[in-house]
């Protein structure tokens, strides 16, 4: 199955940062960050992605991973 995985929890663990701390640094709500972290958000703005990357010192590719269906009939 094709899907996009969000690895915010992995980056937070690598940076030894809590979601609450990231919320304070970015000015984003903890609830919205939690939706992003759990993959329940329907989308993410570039400005939000920028803030998260800026404060976690990472690139968007460190946070987002695409899994392609390798068993398709293409």
PDB file of N, CA and C in Angstrom:
ATOM      1  N   UNK A   1       0.841  -1.179   0.000  1.00  0.00           N
ATOM      2  CA  UNK A   1       0.000   0.000   0.000  1.00  0.00           C
ATOM      3  C   UNK A   1       0.886   1.241   0.000  1.00  0.00           C
ATOM      4  N   UNK A   2       0.544   2.209  -0.845  1.00  0.00           N
ATOM      5  CA  UNK A   2       1.299   3.453  -0.917  1.00  0.00           C
ATOM      6  C   UNK A   2       0.872   4.363   0.222  1.00  0.00           C
ATOM      7  N   UNK A   3       1.840   4.975   0.867  1.00  0.00           N
ATOM      8  CA  UNK A   3       1.500   5.857   1.974  1.00  0.00           C
ATOM      9  C   UNK A   3       2.649   6.807   2.281  1.00  0.00           C
ATOM     10  N   UNK A   4       2.306   7.869   2.998  1.00  0.00           N
ATOM     11  CA  UNK A   4       3.295   8.838   3.460  1.00  0.00           C
ATOM     12  C   UNK A   4       3.391   8.700   4.973  1.00  0.00           C
ATOM     13  N   UNK A   5       4.584   8.493   5.466  1.00  0.00           N
ATOM     14  CA  UNK A   5       4.798   8.362   6.901  1.00  0.00           C
ATOM     15  C   UNK A   5       5.491   9.608   7.430  1.00  0.00           C
ATOM     16  N   UNK A   6       5.024  10.068   8.568  1.00  0.00           N
ATOM     17  CA  UNK A   6       5.633  11.206   9.243  1.00  0.00           C
ATOM     18  C   UNK A   6       6.528  10.662  10.352  1.00  0.00           C
ATOM     19  N   UNK A   7       7.766  11.130  10.370  1.00  0.00           N
ATOM     20  CA  UNK A   7       8.739  10.629  11.352  1.00  0.00           C
ATOM     21  C   UNK A   7       9.100  11.699  12.387  1.00  0.00           C
ATOM     22  N   UNK A   8       8.106  12.519  12.747  1.00  0.00           N
ATOM     23  CA  UNK A   8       8.356  13.578  13.730  1.00  0.00           C
ATOM     24  C   UNK A   8       8.768  12.981  15.067  1.00  0.00           C
ATOM     25  N   UNK A   9       8.156  11.877  15.449  1.00  0.00           N
ATOM     26  CA  UNK A   9       8.510  11.259  16.727  1.00  0.00           C
ATOM     27  C   UNK A   9       9.965  10.793  16.741  1.00  0.00           C
ATOM     28  N   UNK A  10      10.440  10.326  15.592  1.00  0.00           N
ATOM     29  CA  UNK A  10      11.836   9.871  15.495  1.00  0.00           C
ATOM     30  C   UNK A  10      12.781  11.061  15.648  1.00  0.00           C
ATOM     31  N   UNK A  11      12.459  12.166  14.951  1.00  0.00           N
ATOM     32  CA  UNK A  11      13.326  13.350  15.030  1.00  0.00           C
ATOM     33  C   UNK A  11      13.310  13.949  16.429  1.00  0.00           C
ATOM     34  N   UNK A  12      12.140  13.941  17.075  1.00  0.00           N
ATOM     35  CA  UNK A  12      12.076  14.445  18.448  1.00  0.00           C
ATOM     36  C   UNK A  12      12.951  13.593  19.371  1.00  0.00           C
ATOM     37  N   UNK A  13      12.913  12.296  19.191  1.00  0.00           N
ATOM     38  CA  UNK A  13      13.727  11.411  20.021  1.00  0.00           C
ATOM     39  C   UNK A  13      15.215  11.634  19.749  1.00  0.00           C
ATOM     40  N   UNK A  14      15.572  11.790  18.474  1.00  0.00           N
ATOM     41  CA  UNK A  14      16.984  12.021  18.136  1.00  0.00           C
ATOM     42  C   UNK A  14      17.492  13.331  18.725  1.00  0.00           C
ATOM     43  N   UNK A  15      16.629  14.326  18.754  1.00  0.00           N
ATOM     44  CA  UNK A  15      17.014  15.642  19.291  1.00  0.00           C
ATOM     45  C   UNK A  15      16.772  15.756  20.796  1.00  0.00           C
ATOM     46  N   UNK A  16      16.229  14.670  21.364  1.00  0.00           N
ATOM     47  CA  UNK A  16      15.917  14.635  22.801  1.00  0.00           C
ATOM     48  C   UNK A  16      15.050  15.835  23.195  1.00  0.00           C
ATOM     49  N   UNK A  17      14.000  16.024  22.391  1.00  0.00           N
ATOM     50  CA  UNK A  17      13.098  17.155  22.598  1.00  0.00           C
ATOM     51  C   UNK A  17      11.675  16.626  22.761  1.00  0.00           C
ATOM     52  N   UNK A  18      10.923  17.257  23.606  1.00  0.00           N
ATOM     53  CA  UNK A  18       9.527  16.874  23.802  1.00  0.00           C
ATOM     54  C   UNK A  18       8.645  17.695  22.862  1.00  0.00           C
ATOM     55  N   UNK A  19       7.481  17.155  22.583  1.00  0.00           N
ATOM     56  CA  UNK A  19       6.531  17.838  21.707  1.00  0.00           C
ATOM     57  C   UNK A  19       6.144  19.191  22.287  1.00  0.00           C
ATOM     58  N   UNK A  20       6.014  19.239  23.594  1.00  0.00           N
ATOM     59  CA  UNK A  20       5.649  20.487  24.278  1.00  0.00           C
ATOM     60  C   UNK A  20       6.712  21.562  24.043  1.00  0.00           C
ATOM     61  N   UNK A  21       7.959  21.164  24.088  1.00  0.00           N
ATOM     62  CA  UNK A  21       9.062  22.102  23.854  1.00  0.00           C
ATOM     63  C   UNK A  21       9.042  22.600  22.422  1.00  0.00           C
ATOM     64  N   UNK A  22       8.818  21.695  21.479  1.00  0.00           N
ATOM     65  CA  UNK A  22       8.745  22.097  20.073  1.00  0.00           C
ATOM     66  C   UNK A  22       7.581  23.063  19.853  1.00  0.00           C
ATOM     67  N   UNK A  23       6.486  22.823  20.526  1.00  0.00           N
ATOM     68  CA  UNK A  23       5.327  23.718  20.418  1.00  0.00           C
ATOM     69  C   UNK A  23       5.685  25.122  20.897  1.00  0.00           C
ATOM     70  N   UNK A  24       6.397  25.199  22.008  1.00  0.00           N
ATOM     71  CA  UNK A  24       6.798  26.512  22.535  1.00  0.00           C
ATOM     72  C   UNK A  24       7.760  27.213  21.582  1.00  0.00           C
ATOM     73  N   UNK A  25       8.719  26.466  21.030  1.00  0.00           N
ATOM     74  CA  UNK A  25       9.718  27.056  20.136  1.00  0.00           C
ATOM     75  C   UNK A  25       9.108  27.548  18.824  1.00  0.00           C
ATOM     76  N   UNK A  26       8.154  26.776  18.289  1.00  0.00           N
ATOM     77  CA  UNK A  26       7.586  27.105  16.977  1.00  0.00           C
ATOM     78  C   UNK A  26       6.388  28.030  17.061  1.00  0.00           C
ATOM     79  N   UNK A  27       5.737  28.063  18.216  1.00  0.00           N
ATOM     80  CA  UNK A  27       4.501  28.831  18.335  1.00  0.00           C
ATOM     81  C   UNK A  27       3.297  28.068  17.800  1.00  0.00           C
ATOM     82  N   UNK A  28       3.502  26.810  17.439  1.00  0.00           N
ATOM     83  CA  UNK A  28       2.411  25.959  16.966  1.00  0.00           C
ATOM     84  C   UNK A  28       1.770  25.288  18.169  1.00  0.00           C
ATOM     85  N   UNK A  29       0.507  24.936  18.037  1.00  0.00           N
ATOM     86  CA  UNK A  29      -0.155  24.296  19.169  1.00  0.00           C
ATOM     87  C   UNK A  29       0.318  22.850  19.307  1.00  0.00           C
ATOM     88  N   UNK A  30       0.345  22.401  20.532  1.00  0.00           N
ATOM     89  CA  UNK A  30       0.754  21.026  20.808  1.00  0.00           C
ATOM     90  C   UNK A  30      -0.224  20.045  20.146  1.00  0.00           C
ATOM     91  N   UNK A  31      -1.494  20.431  20.083  1.00  0.00           N
ATOM     92  CA  UNK A  31      -2.510  19.571  19.467  1.00  0.00           C
ATOM     93  C   UNK A  31      -2.231  19.386  17.971  1.00  0.00           C
ATOM     94  N   UNK A  32      -1.908  20.480  17.283  1.00  0.00           N
ATOM     95  CA  UNK A  32      -1.615  20.366  15.851  1.00  0.00           C
ATOM     96  C   UNK A  32      -0.349  19.560  15.616  1.00  0.00           C
ATOM     97  N   UNK A  33       0.667  19.789  16.434  1.00  0.00           N
ATOM     98  CA  UNK A  33       1.896  19.001  16.294  1.00  0.00           C
ATOM     99  C   UNK A  33       1.636  17.522  16.566  1.00  0.00           C
ATOM    100  N   UNK A  34       0.749  17.252  17.499  1.00  0.00           N
ATOM    101  CA  UNK A  34       0.407  15.864  17.797  1.00  0.00           C
ATOM    102  C   UNK A  34      -0.291  15.211  16.610  1.00  0.00           C
ATOM    103  N   UNK A  35      -1.184  15.952  15.948  1.00  0.00           N
ATOM    104  CA  UNK A  35      -1.858  15.422  14.749  1.00  0.00           C
ATOM    105  C   UNK A  35      -0.841  15.113  13.658  1.00  0.00           C
ATOM    106  N   UNK A  36       0.130  16.011  13.499  1.00  0.00           N
ATOM    107  CA  UNK A  36       1.183  15.788  12.495  1.00  0.00           C
ATOM    108  C   UNK A  36       2.009  14.571  12.882  1.00  0.00           C
ATOM    109  N   UNK A  37       2.382  14.503  14.154  1.00  0.00           N
ATOM    110  CA  UNK A  37       3.233  13.415  14.639  1.00  0.00           C
ATOM    111  C   UNK A  37       2.590  12.048  14.448  1.00  0.00           C
ATOM    112  N   UNK A  38       1.295  11.981  14.668  1.00  0.00           N
ATOM    113  CA  UNK A  38       0.604  10.692  14.571  1.00  0.00           C
ATOM    114  C   UNK A  38       0.136  10.392  13.154  1.00  0.00           C
ATOM    115  N   UNK A  39       0.357  11.321  12.223  1.00  0.00           N
ATOM    116  CA  UNK A  39      -0.046  11.098  10.841  1.00  0.00           C
ATOM    117  C   UNK A  39      -1.529  11.317  10.603  1.00  0.00           C
ATOM    118  N   UNK A  40      -2.217  11.923  11.573  1.00  0.00           N
ATOM    119  CA  UNK A  40      -3.657  12.149  11.433  1.00  0.00           C
ATOM    120  C   UNK A  40      -3.985  13.477  10.761  1.00  0.00           C
ATOM    121  N   UNK A  41      -2.986  14.328  10.565  1.00  0.00           N
ATOM    122  CA  UNK A  41      -3.224  15.611   9.893  1.00  0.00           C
ATOM    123  C   UNK A  41      -3.487  15.351   8.413  1.00  0.00           C
ATOM    124  N   UNK A  42      -4.412  16.109   7.844  1.00  0.00           N
ATOM    125  CA  UNK A  42      -4.753  15.941   6.423  1.00  0.00           C
ATOM    126  C   UNK A  42      -3.689  16.561   5.524  1.00  0.00           C
ATOM    127  N   UNK A  43      -2.919  17.492   6.052  1.00  0.00           N
ATOM    128  CA  UNK A  43      -1.885  18.159   5.281  1.00  0.00           C
ATOM    129  C   UNK A  43      -1.020  18.991   6.201  1.00  0.00           C
ATOM    130  N   UNK A  44       0.009  19.572   5.621  1.00  0.00           N
ATOM    131  CA  UNK A  44       0.901  20.420   6.402  1.00  0.00           C
ATOM    132  C   UNK A  44       1.352  21.576   5.517  1.00  0.00           C
ATOM    133  N   UNK A  45       1.283  22.778   6.056  1.00  0.00           N
ATOM    134  CA  UNK A  45       1.716  23.958   5.302  1.00  0.00           C
ATOM    135  C   UNK A  45       3.241  23.995   5.240  1.00  0.00           C
ATOM    136  N   UNK A  46       3.751  24.594   4.166  1.00  0.00           N
ATOM    137  CA  UNK A  46       5.203  24.732   4.049  1.00  0.00           C
ATOM    138  C   UNK A  46       5.756  25.569   5.201  1.00  0.00           C
ATOM    139  N   UNK A  47       5.010  26.572   5.636  1.00  0.00           N
ATOM    140  CA  UNK A  47       5.482  27.414   6.738  1.00  0.00           C
ATOM    141  C   UNK A  47       5.589  26.609   8.034  1.00  0.00           C
ATOM    142  N   UNK A  48       4.662  25.687   8.240  1.00  0.00           N
ATOM    143  CA  UNK A  48       4.714  24.817   9.421  1.00  0.00           C
ATOM    144  C   UNK A  48       5.893  23.863   9.317  1.00  0.00           C
ATOM    145  N   UNK A  49       6.066  23.291   8.140  1.00  0.00           N
ATOM    146  CA  UNK A  49       7.186  22.377   7.916  1.00  0.00           C
ATOM    147  C   UNK A  49       8.515  23.096   8.126  1.00  0.00           C
ATOM    148  N   UNK A  50       8.578  24.338   7.652  1.00  0.00           N
ATOM    149  CA  UNK A  50       9.793  25.140   7.828  1.00  0.00           C
ATOM    150  C   UNK A  50      10.111  25.336   9.309  1.00  0.00           C
ATOM    151  N   UNK A  51       9.097  25.711  10.091  1.00  0.00           N
ATOM    152  CA  UNK A  51       9.322  25.949  11.521  1.00  0.00           C
ATOM    153  C   UNK A  51       9.792  24.689  12.235  1.00  0.00           C
ATOM    154  N   UNK A  52       9.161  23.575  11.905  1.00  0.00           N
ATOM    155  CA  UNK A  52       9.556  22.310  12.536  1.00  0.00           C
ATOM    156  C   UNK A  52      10.998  21.962  12.165  1.00  0.00           C
ATOM    157  N   UNK A  53      11.318  22.068  10.887  1.00  0.00           N
ATOM    158  CA  UNK A  53      12.678  21.749  10.438  1.00  0.00           C
ATOM    159  C   UNK A  53      13.698  22.699  11.054  1.00  0.00           C
ATOM    160  N   UNK A  54      13.345  23.965  11.128  1.00  0.00           N
ATOM    161  CA  UNK A  54      14.259  24.961  11.694  1.00  0.00           C
ATOM    162  C   UNK A  54      14.624  24.624  13.139  1.00  0.00           C
ATOM    163  N   UNK A  55      13.629  24.279  13.929  1.00  0.00           N
ATOM    164  CA  UNK A  55      13.877  24.046  15.351  1.00  0.00           C
ATOM    165  C   UNK A  55      14.382  22.635  15.655  1.00  0.00           C
ATOM    166  N   UNK A  56      14.195  21.706  14.714  1.00  0.00           N
ATOM    167  CA  UNK A  56      14.768  20.369  14.905  1.00  0.00           C
ATOM    168  C   UNK A  56      16.073  20.217  14.144  1.00  0.00           C
ATOM    169  N   UNK A  57      16.459  21.288  13.437  1.00  0.00           N
ATOM    170  CA  UNK A  57      17.691  21.281  12.662  1.00  0.00           C
ATOM    171  C   UNK A  57      17.744  20.064  11.737  1.00  0.00           C
ATOM    172  N   UNK A  58      16.726  19.975  10.882  1.00  0.00           N
ATOM    173  CA  UNK A  58      16.651  18.852   9.961  1.00  0.00           C
ATOM    174  C   UNK A  58      16.059  19.319   8.633  1.00  0.00           C
ATOM    175  N   UNK A  59      15.984  18.415   7.690  1.00  0.00           N
ATOM    176  CA  UNK A  59      15.401  18.679   6.373  1.00  0.00           C
ATOM    177  C   UNK A  59      14.031  18.007   6.287  1.00  0.00           C
ATOM    178  N   UNK A  60      13.151  18.496   5.394  1.00  0.00           N
ATOM    179  CA  UNK A  60      11.826  17.864   5.264  1.00  0.00           C
ATOM    180  C   UNK A  60      11.898  16.352   5.034  1.00  0.00           C
ATOM    181  N   UNK A  61      12.889  15.912   4.295  1.00  0.00           N
ATOM    182  CA  UNK A  61      13.039  14.483   4.042  1.00  0.00           C
ATOM    183  C   UNK A  61      13.338  13.679   5.291  1.00  0.00           C
ATOM    184  N   UNK A  62      13.830  14.364   6.326  1.00  0.00           N
ATOM    185  CA  UNK A  62      14.068  13.680   7.595  1.00  0.00           C
ATOM    186  C   UNK A  62      12.750  13.426   8.331  1.00  0.00           C
ATOM    187  N   UNK A  63      11.715  14.187   7.962  1.00  0.00           N
ATOM    188  CA  UNK A  63      10.421  14.083   8.640  1.00  0.00           C
ATOM    189  C   UNK A  63       9.372  13.307   7.864  1.00  0.00           C
ATOM    190  N   UNK A  64       9.522  13.288   6.539  1.00  0.00           N
ATOM    191  CA  UNK A  64       8.491  12.684   5.693  1.00  0.00           C
ATOM    192  C   UNK A  64       9.111  11.568   4.866  1.00  0.00           C
ATOM    193  N   UNK A  65       8.422  10.446   4.851  1.00  0.00           N
ATOM    194  CA  UNK A  65       8.900   9.290   4.100  1.00  0.00           C
ATOM    195  C   UNK A  65       7.745   8.737   3.260  1.00  0.00           C
ATOM    196  N   UNK A  66       7.999   8.484   1.997  1.00  0.00           N
ATOM    197  CA  UNK A  66       6.991   7.899   1.115  1.00  0.00           C
ATOM    198  C   UNK A  66       7.295   6.426   0.919  1.00  0.00           C
ATOM    199  N   UNK A  67       6.288   5.597   1.151  1.00  0.00           N
ATOM    200  CA  UNK A  67       6.428   4.169   0.894  1.00  0.00           C
ATOM    201  C   UNK A  67       5.643   3.839  -0.368  1.00  0.00           C
ATOM    202  N   UNK A  68       6.324   3.352  -1.363  1.00  0.00           N
ATOM    203  CA  UNK A  68       5.685   3.011  -2.616  1.00  0.00           C
ATOM    204  C   UNK A  68       5.392   1.525  -2.660  1.00  0.00           C
ATOM    205  N   UNK A  69       4.251   1.222  -3.231  1.00  0.00           N
ATOM    206  CA  UNK A  69       3.863  -0.171  -3.366  1.00  0.00           C
ATOM    207  C   UNK A  69       4.773  -0.840  -4.380  1.00  0.00           C
ATOM    208  N   UNK A  70       5.592  -1.740  -3.937  1.00  0.00           N
ATOM    209  CA  UNK A  70       6.547  -2.393  -4.839  1.00  0.00           C
ATOM    210  C   UNK A  70       5.948  -3.613  -5.511  1.00  0.00           C
ATOM    211  N   UNK A  71       4.733  -3.981  -5.137  1.00  0.00           N
ATOM    212  CA  UNK A  71       4.110  -5.170  -5.723  1.00  0.00           C
ATOM    213  C   UNK A  71       3.043  -4.812  -6.750  1.00  0.00           C
ATOM    214  N   UNK A  72       3.001  -3.519  -7.181  1.00  0.00           N
ATOM    215  CA  UNK A  72       1.990  -3.112  -8.150  1.00  0.00           C
ATOM    216  C   UNK A  72       2.266  -3.754  -9.505  1.00  0.00           C
ATOM    217  N   UNK A  73       1.303  -3.684 -10.406  1.00  0.00           N
ATOM    218  CA  UNK A  73       1.417  -4.328 -11.700  1.00  0.00           C
ATOM    219  C   UNK A  73       2.002  -3.402 -12.752  1.00  0.00           C
ATOM    220  N   UNK A  74       2.713  -2.347 -12.401  1.00  0.00           N
ATOM    221  CA  UNK A  74       3.288  -1.397 -13.362  1.00  0.00           C
ATOM    222  C   UNK A  74       4.442  -1.985 -14.091  1.00  0.00           C
TER     223      UNK A  74
END
